[in-house]
Amino acid sequence: MEHPSITLATMIAPSPDWYIAVVNINLFENNSFVNQKTVEAHVYDAGTDDGVTYTSPDEISDPQQPITLIVDSPFGNGVKLNATIATVTFTKL
């Protein structure tokens, strides 16, 4: 199998540049595609906007910053947390 993996991302709106993603999920196991697979989605900061709240005005990052996993405020209100914000289920039709 040449391309058995999937990556998906979707924006969190409203937000400065945050998004939810699952990355490089292998859907081919034991020589066949899985019937169903559920994975945790995490929230990331794209590093292109300096806003720190959902309603921050646009503040372009200059220079742009690396993409980072968000594990604290605003999602944790200042407390460290597991970055999982959702689950995604892939189902073979």
PDB file of N, CA and C in Angstrom:
ATOM      1  N   MET A   1       0.853  -1.174   0.000  1.00  0.00           N
ATOM      2  CA  MET A   1       0.000   0.000   0.000  1.00  0.00           C
ATOM      3  C   MET A   1       0.895   1.231   0.000  1.00  0.00           C
ATOM      4  N   GLU A   2       0.679   2.121  -0.970  1.00  0.00           N
ATOM      5  CA  GLU A   2       1.524   3.301  -1.095  1.00  0.00           C
ATOM      6  C   GLU A   2       1.130   4.464  -0.192  1.00  0.00           C
ATOM      7  N   HIS A   3      -0.166   4.693   0.001  1.00  0.00           N
ATOM      8  CA  HIS A   3      -0.620   5.863   0.759  1.00  0.00           C
ATOM      9  C   HIS A   3      -1.732   5.470   1.737  1.00  0.00           C
ATOM     10  N   PRO A   4      -1.402   4.796   2.822  1.00  0.00           N
ATOM     11  CA  PRO A   4      -2.432   4.311   3.737  1.00  0.00           C
ATOM     12  C   PRO A   4      -2.794   5.288   4.855  1.00  0.00           C
ATOM     13  N   SER A   5      -2.192   6.461   4.871  1.00  0.00           N
ATOM     14  CA  SER A   5      -2.383   7.371   5.998  1.00  0.00           C
ATOM     15  C   SER A   5      -3.191   8.599   5.608  1.00  0.00           C
ATOM     16  N   ILE A   6      -3.768   9.230   6.630  1.00  0.00           N
ATOM     17  CA  ILE A   6      -4.560  10.440   6.414  1.00  0.00           C
ATOM     18  C   ILE A   6      -4.191  11.477   7.470  1.00  0.00           C
ATOM     19  N   THR A   7      -4.220  12.728   7.059  1.00  0.00           N
ATOM     20  CA  THR A   7      -4.056  13.861   7.948  1.00  0.00           C
ATOM     21  C   THR A   7      -5.215  14.798   7.670  1.00  0.00           C
ATOM     22  N   LEU A   8      -5.786  15.370   8.726  1.00  0.00           N
ATOM     23  CA  LEU A   8      -6.831  16.361   8.501  1.00  0.00           C
ATOM     24  C   LEU A   8      -6.698  17.463   9.528  1.00  0.00           C
ATOM     25  N   ALA A   9      -7.138  18.633   9.133  1.00  0.00           N
ATOM     26  CA  ALA A   9      -7.093  19.795  10.011  1.00  0.00           C
ATOM     27  C   ALA A   9      -8.299  20.670   9.742  1.00  0.00           C
ATOM     28  N   THR A  10      -8.765  21.341  10.787  1.00  0.00           N
ATOM     29  CA  THR A  10      -9.858  22.288  10.637  1.00  0.00           C
ATOM     30  C   THR A  10      -9.651  23.435  11.615  1.00  0.00           C
ATOM     31  N   MET A  11     -10.036  24.605  11.203  1.00  0.00           N
ATOM     32  CA  MET A  11      -9.823  25.779  12.047  1.00  0.00           C
ATOM     33  C   MET A  11     -10.769  25.792  13.244  1.00  0.00           C
ATOM     34  N   ILE A  12     -10.351  26.490  14.277  1.00  0.00           N
ATOM     35  CA  ILE A  12     -11.217  26.775  15.414  1.00  0.00           C
ATOM     36  C   ILE A  12     -11.662  28.217  15.224  1.00  0.00           C
ATOM     37  N   ALA A  13     -12.958  28.429  15.126  1.00  0.00           N
ATOM     38  CA  ALA A  13     -13.446  29.780  14.871  1.00  0.00           C
ATOM     39  C   ALA A  13     -14.403  30.203  15.971  1.00  0.00           C
ATOM     40  N   PRO A  14     -14.310  31.402  16.477  1.00  0.00           N
ATOM     41  CA  PRO A  14     -13.253  32.348  16.129  1.00  0.00           C
ATOM     42  C   PRO A  14     -11.989  32.039  16.928  1.00  0.00           C
ATOM     43  N   SER A  15     -10.875  32.280  16.341  1.00  0.00           N
ATOM     44  CA  SER A  15      -9.594  32.174  17.041  1.00  0.00           C
ATOM     45  C   SER A  15      -8.543  32.881  16.208  1.00  0.00           C
ATOM     46  N   PRO A  16      -7.404  33.217  16.824  1.00  0.00           N
ATOM     47  CA  PRO A  16      -6.359  33.893  16.047  1.00  0.00           C
ATOM     48  C   PRO A  16      -5.846  33.020  14.903  1.00  0.00           C
ATOM     49  N   ASP A  17      -5.291  31.868  15.208  1.00  0.00           N
ATOM     50  CA  ASP A  17      -4.749  30.963  14.177  1.00  0.00           C
ATOM     51  C   ASP A  17      -4.667  29.543  14.719  1.00  0.00           C
ATOM     52  N   TRP A  18      -5.639  29.186  15.536  1.00  0.00           N
ATOM     53  CA  TRP A  18      -5.637  27.866  16.152  1.00  0.00           C
ATOM     54  C   TRP A  18      -6.410  26.898  15.275  1.00  0.00           C
ATOM     55  N   TYR A  19      -6.008  25.634  15.331  1.00  0.00           N
ATOM     56  CA  TYR A  19      -6.703  24.613  14.553  1.00  0.00           C
ATOM     57  C   TYR A  19      -6.627  23.270  15.259  1.00  0.00           C
ATOM     58  N   ILE A  20      -7.526  22.380  14.899  1.00  0.00           N
ATOM     59  CA  ILE A  20      -7.566  21.014  15.411  1.00  0.00           C
ATOM     60  C   ILE A  20      -7.039  20.116  14.305  1.00  0.00           C
ATOM     61  N   ALA A  21      -6.221  19.102  14.682  1.00  0.00           N
ATOM     62  CA  ALA A  21      -5.662  18.217  13.660  1.00  0.00           C
ATOM     63  C   ALA A  21      -5.433  16.810  14.189  1.00  0.00           C
ATOM     64  N   VAL A  22      -5.491  15.873  13.256  1.00  0.00           N
ATOM     65  CA  VAL A  22      -4.970  14.522  13.458  1.00  0.00           C
ATOM     66  C   VAL A  22      -3.961  14.334  12.329  1.00  0.00           C
ATOM     67  N   VAL A  23      -2.808  13.770  12.666  1.00  0.00           N
ATOM     68  CA  VAL A  23      -1.696  13.769  11.728  1.00  0.00           C
ATOM     69  C   VAL A  23      -1.192  12.363  11.458  1.00  0.00           C
ATOM     70  N   ASN A  24      -1.111  12.024  10.175  1.00  0.00           N
ATOM     71  CA  ASN A  24      -0.496  10.779   9.715  1.00  0.00           C
ATOM     72  C   ASN A  24      -1.116   9.543  10.368  1.00  0.00           C
ATOM     73  N   ILE A  25      -2.430   9.428  10.278  1.00  0.00           N
ATOM     74  CA  ILE A  25      -3.145   8.295  10.860  1.00  0.00           C
ATOM     75  C   ILE A  25      -3.147   7.145   9.857  1.00  0.00           C
ATOM     76  N   ASN A  26      -2.574   6.016  10.248  1.00  0.00           N
ATOM     77  CA  ASN A  26      -2.497   4.839   9.380  1.00  0.00           C
ATOM     78  C   ASN A  26      -3.829   4.090   9.418  1.00  0.00           C
ATOM     79  N   LEU A  27      -4.474   3.978   8.267  1.00  0.00           N
ATOM     80  CA  LEU A  27      -5.758   3.274   8.176  1.00  0.00           C
ATOM     81  C   LEU A  27      -5.619   1.885   7.558  1.00  0.00           C
ATOM     82  N   PHE A  28      -4.391   1.451   7.359  1.00  0.00           N
ATOM     83  CA  PHE A  28      -4.128   0.139   6.760  1.00  0.00           C
ATOM     84  C   PHE A  28      -3.364  -0.706   7.774  1.00  0.00           C
ATOM     85  N   GLU A  29      -4.014  -1.725   8.309  1.00  0.00           N
ATOM     86  CA  GLU A  29      -3.408  -2.577   9.327  1.00  0.00           C
ATOM     87  C   GLU A  29      -3.693  -4.043   8.995  1.00  0.00           C
ATOM     88  N   ASN A  30      -2.740  -4.907   9.278  1.00  0.00           N
ATOM     89  CA  ASN A  30      -2.900  -6.351   9.039  1.00  0.00           C
ATOM     90  C   ASN A  30      -3.330  -6.649   7.600  1.00  0.00           C
ATOM     91  N   ASN A  31      -2.693  -5.956   6.652  1.00  0.00           N
ATOM     92  CA  ASN A  31      -2.899  -6.175   5.215  1.00  0.00           C
ATOM     93  C   ASN A  31      -4.276  -5.799   4.693  1.00  0.00           C
ATOM     94  N   SER A  32      -5.008  -4.930   5.413  1.00  0.00           N
ATOM     95  CA  SER A  32      -6.282  -4.435   4.889  1.00  0.00           C
ATOM     96  C   SER A  32      -6.633  -3.115   5.579  1.00  0.00           C
ATOM     97  N   PHE A  33      -7.563  -2.380   4.953  1.00  0.00           N
ATOM     98  CA  PHE A  33      -8.010  -1.149   5.581  1.00  0.00           C
ATOM     99  C   PHE A  33      -8.880  -1.476   6.787  1.00  0.00           C
ATOM    100  N   VAL A  34      -8.731  -0.693   7.845  1.00  0.00           N
ATOM    101  CA  VAL A  34      -9.513  -0.911   9.060  1.00  0.00           C
ATOM    102  C   VAL A  34     -10.971  -0.583   8.792  1.00  0.00           C
ATOM    103  N   ASN A  35     -11.867  -1.253   9.497  1.00  0.00           N
ATOM    104  CA  ASN A  35     -13.284  -0.951   9.367  1.00  0.00           C
ATOM    105  C   ASN A  35     -13.641   0.340  10.089  1.00  0.00           C
ATOM    106  N   GLN A  36     -12.965   0.566  11.220  1.00  0.00           N
ATOM    107  CA  GLN A  36     -13.209   1.785  11.972  1.00  0.00           C
ATOM    108  C   GLN A  36     -11.995   2.073  12.854  1.00  0.00           C
ATOM    109  N   LYS A  37     -11.689   3.362  13.006  1.00  0.00           N
ATOM    110  CA  LYS A  37     -10.582   3.768  13.862  1.00  0.00           C
ATOM    111  C   LYS A  37     -10.915   5.133  14.447  1.00  0.00           C
ATOM    112  N   THR A  38     -10.806   5.252  15.773  1.00  0.00           N
ATOM    113  CA  THR A  38     -11.043   6.512  16.467  1.00  0.00           C
ATOM    114  C   THR A  38      -9.719   6.999  17.036  1.00  0.00           C
ATOM    115  N   VAL A  39      -9.415   8.267  16.800  1.00  0.00           N
ATOM    116  CA  VAL A  39      -8.165   8.857  17.270  1.00  0.00           C
ATOM    117  C   VAL A  39      -8.459  10.186  17.955  1.00  0.00           C
ATOM    118  N   GLU A  40      -7.543  10.603  18.816  1.00  0.00           N
ATOM    119  CA  GLU A  40      -7.665  11.892  19.492  1.00  0.00           C
ATOM    120  C   GLU A  40      -7.171  13.007  18.576  1.00  0.00           C
ATOM    121  N   ALA A  41      -7.910  14.099  18.550  1.00  0.00           N
ATOM    122  CA  ALA A  41      -7.482  15.288  17.818  1.00  0.00           C
ATOM    123  C   ALA A  41      -6.909  16.276  18.830  1.00  0.00           C
ATOM    124  N   HIS A  42      -5.887  16.987  18.421  1.00  0.00           N
ATOM    125  CA  HIS A  42      -5.232  17.948  19.302  1.00  0.00           C
ATOM    126  C   HIS A  42      -5.363  19.349  18.734  1.00  0.00           C
ATOM    127  N   VAL A  43      -5.156  20.342  19.574  1.00  0.00           N
ATOM    128  CA  VAL A  43      -5.273  21.733  19.146  1.00  0.00           C
ATOM    129  C   VAL A  43      -3.878  22.345  19.038  1.00  0.00           C
ATOM    130  N   TYR A  44      -3.664  23.066  17.951  1.00  0.00           N
ATOM    131  CA  TYR A  44      -2.372  23.654  17.629  1.00  0.00           C
ATOM    132  C   TYR A  44      -2.492  25.149  17.410  1.00  0.00           C
ATOM    133  N   ASP A  45      -1.390  25.848  17.640  1.00  0.00           N
ATOM    134  CA  ASP A  45      -1.251  27.257  17.299  1.00  0.00           C
ATOM    135  C   ASP A  45      -0.381  27.310  16.044  1.00  0.00           C
ATOM    136  N   ALA A  46      -0.888  27.905  14.971  1.00  0.00           N
ATOM    137  CA  ALA A  46      -0.168  27.927  13.700  1.00  0.00           C
ATOM    138  C   ALA A  46       1.043  28.863  13.710  1.00  0.00           C
ATOM    139  N   GLY A  47       1.132  29.758  14.700  1.00  0.00           N
ATOM    140  CA  GLY A  47       2.301  30.633  14.796  1.00  0.00           C
ATOM    141  C   GLY A  47       2.286  31.823  13.857  1.00  0.00           C
ATOM    142  N   THR A  48       1.111  32.154  13.320  1.00  0.00           N
ATOM    143  CA  THR A  48       1.038  33.259  12.358  1.00  0.00           C
ATOM    144  C   THR A  48       0.329  34.489  12.910  1.00  0.00           C
ATOM    145  N   ASP A  49      -0.262  34.363  14.120  1.00  0.00           N
ATOM    146  CA  ASP A  49      -1.005  35.463  14.726  1.00  0.00           C
ATOM    147  C   ASP A  49      -0.688  35.477  16.217  1.00  0.00           C
ATOM    148  N   ASP A  50      -0.397  36.653  16.768  1.00  0.00           N
ATOM    149  CA  ASP A  50      -0.016  36.762  18.178  1.00  0.00           C
ATOM    150  C   ASP A  50      -1.198  36.844  19.138  1.00  0.00           C
ATOM    151  N   GLY A  51      -2.432  36.746  18.634  1.00  0.00           N
ATOM    152  CA  GLY A  51      -3.599  36.807  19.508  1.00  0.00           C
ATOM    153  C   GLY A  51      -3.585  35.690  20.542  1.00  0.00           C
ATOM    154  N   VAL A  52      -4.103  35.995  21.754  1.00  0.00           N
ATOM    155  CA  VAL A  52      -4.071  35.019  22.844  1.00  0.00           C
ATOM    156  C   VAL A  52      -5.453  34.633  23.351  1.00  0.00           C
ATOM    157  N   THR A  53      -6.500  35.217  22.777  1.00  0.00           N
ATOM    158  CA  THR A  53      -7.859  34.842  23.149  1.00  0.00           C
ATOM    159  C   THR A  53      -8.659  34.609  21.868  1.00  0.00           C
ATOM    160  N   TYR A  54      -9.846  34.047  22.048  1.00  0.00           N
ATOM    161  CA  TYR A  54     -10.699  33.765  20.893  1.00  0.00           C
ATOM    162  C   TYR A  54     -11.062  35.020  20.111  1.00  0.00           C
ATOM    163  N   THR A  55     -11.159  36.143  20.779  1.00  0.00           N
ATOM    164  CA  THR A  55     -11.623  37.365  20.112  1.00  0.00           C
ATOM    165  C   THR A  55     -10.527  38.404  19.946  1.00  0.00           C
ATOM    166  N   SER A  56      -9.277  38.000  20.031  1.00  0.00           N
ATOM    167  CA  SER A  56      -8.167  38.945  19.835  1.00  0.00           C
ATOM    168  C   SER A  56      -8.212  39.529  18.428  1.00  0.00           C
ATOM    169  N   PRO A  57      -7.861  40.820  18.290  1.00  0.00           N
ATOM    170  CA  PRO A  57      -7.756  41.395  16.945  1.00  0.00           C
ATOM    171  C   PRO A  57      -6.572  40.759  16.214  1.00  0.00           C
ATOM    172  N   ASP A  58      -6.575  40.829  14.897  1.00  0.00           N
ATOM    173  CA  ASP A  58      -5.461  40.281  14.122  1.00  0.00           C
ATOM    174  C   ASP A  58      -4.160  40.970  14.516  1.00  0.00           C
ATOM    175  N   GLU A  59      -3.167  40.167  14.886  1.00  0.00           N
ATOM    176  CA  GLU A  59      -1.832  40.661  15.213  1.00  0.00           C
ATOM    177  C   GLU A  59      -0.834  39.712  14.559  1.00  0.00           C
ATOM    178  N   ILE A  60      -0.452  40.014  13.333  1.00  0.00           N
ATOM    179  CA  ILE A  60       0.421  39.122  12.567  1.00  0.00           C
ATOM    180  C   ILE A  60       1.740  38.915  13.298  1.00  0.00           C
ATOM    181  N   SER A  61       2.151  37.657  13.439  1.00  0.00           N
ATOM    182  CA  SER A  61       3.427  37.321  14.078  1.00  0.00           C
ATOM    183  C   SER A  61       4.571  37.650  13.131  1.00  0.00           C
ATOM    184  N   ASP A  62       5.512  38.444  13.605  1.00  0.00           N
ATOM    185  CA  ASP A  62       6.662  38.814  12.783  1.00  0.00           C
ATOM    186  C   ASP A  62       7.908  38.767  13.649  1.00  0.00           C
ATOM    187  N   PRO A  63       8.723  37.729  13.509  1.00  0.00           N
ATOM    188  CA  PRO A  63       8.609  36.676  12.495  1.00  0.00           C
ATOM    189  C   PRO A  63       7.578  35.623  12.915  1.00  0.00           C
ATOM    190  N   GLN A  64       7.134  34.837  11.927  1.00  0.00           N
ATOM    191  CA  GLN A  64       6.218  33.749  12.241  1.00  0.00           C
ATOM    192  C   GLN A  64       6.901  32.767  13.179  1.00  0.00           C
ATOM    193  N   GLN A  65       6.118  32.137  14.027  1.00  0.00           N
ATOM    194  CA  GLN A  65       6.627  31.204  15.028  1.00  0.00           C
ATOM    195  C   GLN A  65       6.375  29.765  14.580  1.00  0.00           C
ATOM    196  N   PRO A  66       7.087  28.796  15.168  1.00  0.00           N
ATOM    197  CA  PRO A  66       6.824  27.388  14.825  1.00  0.00           C
ATOM    198  C   PRO A  66       5.414  26.974  15.258  1.00  0.00           C
ATOM    199  N   ILE A  67       4.840  26.024  14.569  1.00  0.00           N
ATOM    200  CA  ILE A  67       3.566  25.446  14.984  1.00  0.00           C
ATOM    201  C   ILE A  67       3.787  24.763  16.320  1.00  0.00           C
ATOM    202  N   THR A  68       2.880  25.007  17.279  1.00  0.00           N
ATOM    203  CA  THR A  68       3.012  24.396  18.599  1.00  0.00           C
ATOM    204  C   THR A  68       1.700  23.788  19.054  1.00  0.00           C
ATOM    205  N   LEU A  69       1.821  22.727  19.833  1.00  0.00           N
ATOM    206  CA  LEU A  69       0.681  22.082  20.473  1.00  0.00           C
ATOM    207  C   LEU A  69       0.264  22.962  21.644  1.00  0.00           C
ATOM    208  N   ILE A  70      -1.026  23.285  21.754  1.00  0.00           N
ATOM    209  CA  ILE A  70      -1.502  24.116  22.862  1.00  0.00           C
ATOM    210  C   ILE A  70      -1.879  23.206  24.026  1.00  0.00           C
ATOM    211  N   VAL A  71      -1.230  23.408  25.168  1.00  0.00           N
ATOM    212  CA  VAL A  71      -1.507  22.579  26.347  1.00  0.00           C
ATOM    213  C   VAL A  71      -1.796  23.425  27.584  1.00  0.00           C
ATOM    214  N   ASP A  72      -1.970  24.721  27.408  1.00  0.00           N
ATOM    215  CA  ASP A  72      -2.291  25.558  28.550  1.00  0.00           C
ATOM    216  C   ASP A  72      -3.297  26.629  28.128  1.00  0.00           C
ATOM    217  N   SER A  73      -3.270  27.770  28.750  1.00  0.00           N
ATOM    218  CA  SER A  73      -4.217  28.823  28.475  1.00  0.00           C
ATOM    219  C   SER A  73      -4.257  29.134  26.974  1.00  0.00           C
ATOM    220  N   PRO A  74      -5.393  29.377  26.353  1.00  0.00           N
ATOM    221  CA  PRO A  74      -6.692  29.644  26.953  1.00  0.00           C
ATOM    222  C   PRO A  74      -7.507  28.387  27.249  1.00  0.00           C
ATOM    223  N   PHE A  75      -7.105  27.251  26.720  1.00  0.00           N
ATOM    224  CA  PHE A  75      -7.901  26.045  26.899  1.00  0.00           C
ATOM    225  C   PHE A  75      -7.842  25.511  28.320  1.00  0.00           C
ATOM    226  N   GLY A  76      -6.730  25.712  28.999  1.00  0.00           N
ATOM    227  CA  GLY A  76      -6.590  25.222  30.356  1.00  0.00           C
ATOM    228  C   GLY A  76      -6.751  26.297  31.404  1.00  0.00           C
ATOM    229  N   ASN A  77      -7.120  27.509  30.977  1.00  0.00           N
ATOM    230  CA  ASN A  77      -7.266  28.629  31.894  1.00  0.00           C
ATOM    231  C   ASN A  77      -6.061  28.764  32.821  1.00  0.00           C
ATOM    232  N   GLY A  78      -4.871  28.603  32.249  1.00  0.00           N
ATOM    233  CA  GLY A  78      -3.644  28.742  33.006  1.00  0.00           C
ATOM    234  C   GLY A  78      -3.160  27.466  33.655  1.00  0.00           C
ATOM    235  N   VAL A  79      -3.905  26.380  33.513  1.00  0.00           N
ATOM    236  CA  VAL A  79      -3.536  25.101  34.102  1.00  0.00           C
ATOM    237  C   VAL A  79      -3.170  24.135  32.977  1.00  0.00           C
ATOM    238  N   LYS A  80      -2.045  23.422  33.119  1.00  0.00           N
ATOM    239  CA  LYS A  80      -1.647  22.433  32.105  1.00  0.00           C
ATOM    240  C   LYS A  80      -2.774  21.435  31.891  1.00  0.00           C
ATOM    241  N   LEU A  81      -2.951  21.010  30.659  1.00  0.00           N
ATOM    242  CA  LEU A  81      -3.989  20.042  30.356  1.00  0.00           C
ATOM    243  C   LEU A  81      -3.551  19.138  29.230  1.00  0.00           C
ATOM    244  N   ASN A  82      -4.259  18.056  29.077  1.00  0.00           N
ATOM    245  CA  ASN A  82      -4.077  17.178  27.931  1.00  0.00           C
ATOM    246  C   ASN A  82      -4.593  17.950  26.729  1.00  0.00           C
ATOM    247  N   ALA A  83      -3.828  17.985  25.656  1.00  0.00           N
ATOM    248  CA  ALA A  83      -4.184  18.798  24.499  1.00  0.00           C
ATOM    249  C   ALA A  83      -5.312  18.207  23.656  1.00  0.00           C
ATOM    250  N   THR A  84      -5.837  17.060  24.021  1.00  0.00           N
ATOM    251  CA  THR A  84      -6.951  16.484  23.271  1.00  0.00           C
ATOM    252  C   THR A  84      -8.176  17.367  23.417  1.00  0.00           C
ATOM    253  N   ILE A  85      -8.754  17.723  22.281  1.00  0.00           N
ATOM    254  CA  ILE A  85      -9.935  18.580  22.316  1.00  0.00           C
ATOM    255  C   ILE A  85     -11.123  17.897  21.650  1.00  0.00           C
ATOM    256  N   ALA A  86     -10.842  16.813  20.921  1.00  0.00           N
ATOM    257  CA  ALA A  86     -11.908  16.100  20.209  1.00  0.00           C
ATOM    258  C   ALA A  86     -11.414  14.714  19.829  1.00  0.00           C
ATOM    259  N   THR A  87     -12.336  13.904  19.365  1.00  0.00           N
ATOM    260  CA  THR A  87     -11.957  12.632  18.755  1.00  0.00           C
ATOM    261  C   THR A  87     -12.503  12.612  17.342  1.00  0.00           C
ATOM    262  N   VAL A  88     -11.821  11.872  16.481  1.00  0.00           N
ATOM    263  CA  VAL A  88     -12.244  11.721  15.087  1.00  0.00           C
ATOM    264  C   VAL A  88     -12.370  10.234  14.825  1.00  0.00           C
ATOM    265  N   THR A  89     -13.490   9.825  14.256  1.00  0.00           N
ATOM    266  CA  THR A  89     -13.699   8.413  13.918  1.00  0.00           C
ATOM    267  C   THR A  89     -13.745   8.259  12.403  1.00  0.00           C
ATOM    268  N   PHE A  90     -12.873   7.418  11.889  1.00  0.00           N
ATOM    269  CA  PHE A  90     -12.857   7.069  10.469  1.00  0.00           C
ATOM    270  C   PHE A  90     -13.608   5.756  10.333  1.00  0.00           C
ATOM    271  N   THR A  91     -14.585   5.691   9.428  1.00  0.00           N
ATOM    272  CA  THR A  91     -15.376   4.493   9.210  1.00  0.00           C
ATOM    273  C   THR A  91     -15.330   4.101   7.746  1.00  0.00           C
ATOM    274  N   LYS A  92     -14.966   2.857   7.493  1.00  0.00           N
ATOM    275  CA  LYS A  92     -14.929   2.348   6.125  1.00  0.00           C
ATOM    276  C   LYS A  92     -16.358   2.115   5.654  1.00  0.00           C
ATOM    277  N   LEU A  93     -16.688   2.649   4.492  1.00  0.00           N
ATOM    278  CA  LEU A  93     -18.044   2.487   3.935  1.00  0.00           C
ATOM    279  C   LEU A  93     -18.066   1.448   2.853  1.00  0.00           C
TER     280      LEU A  93
END
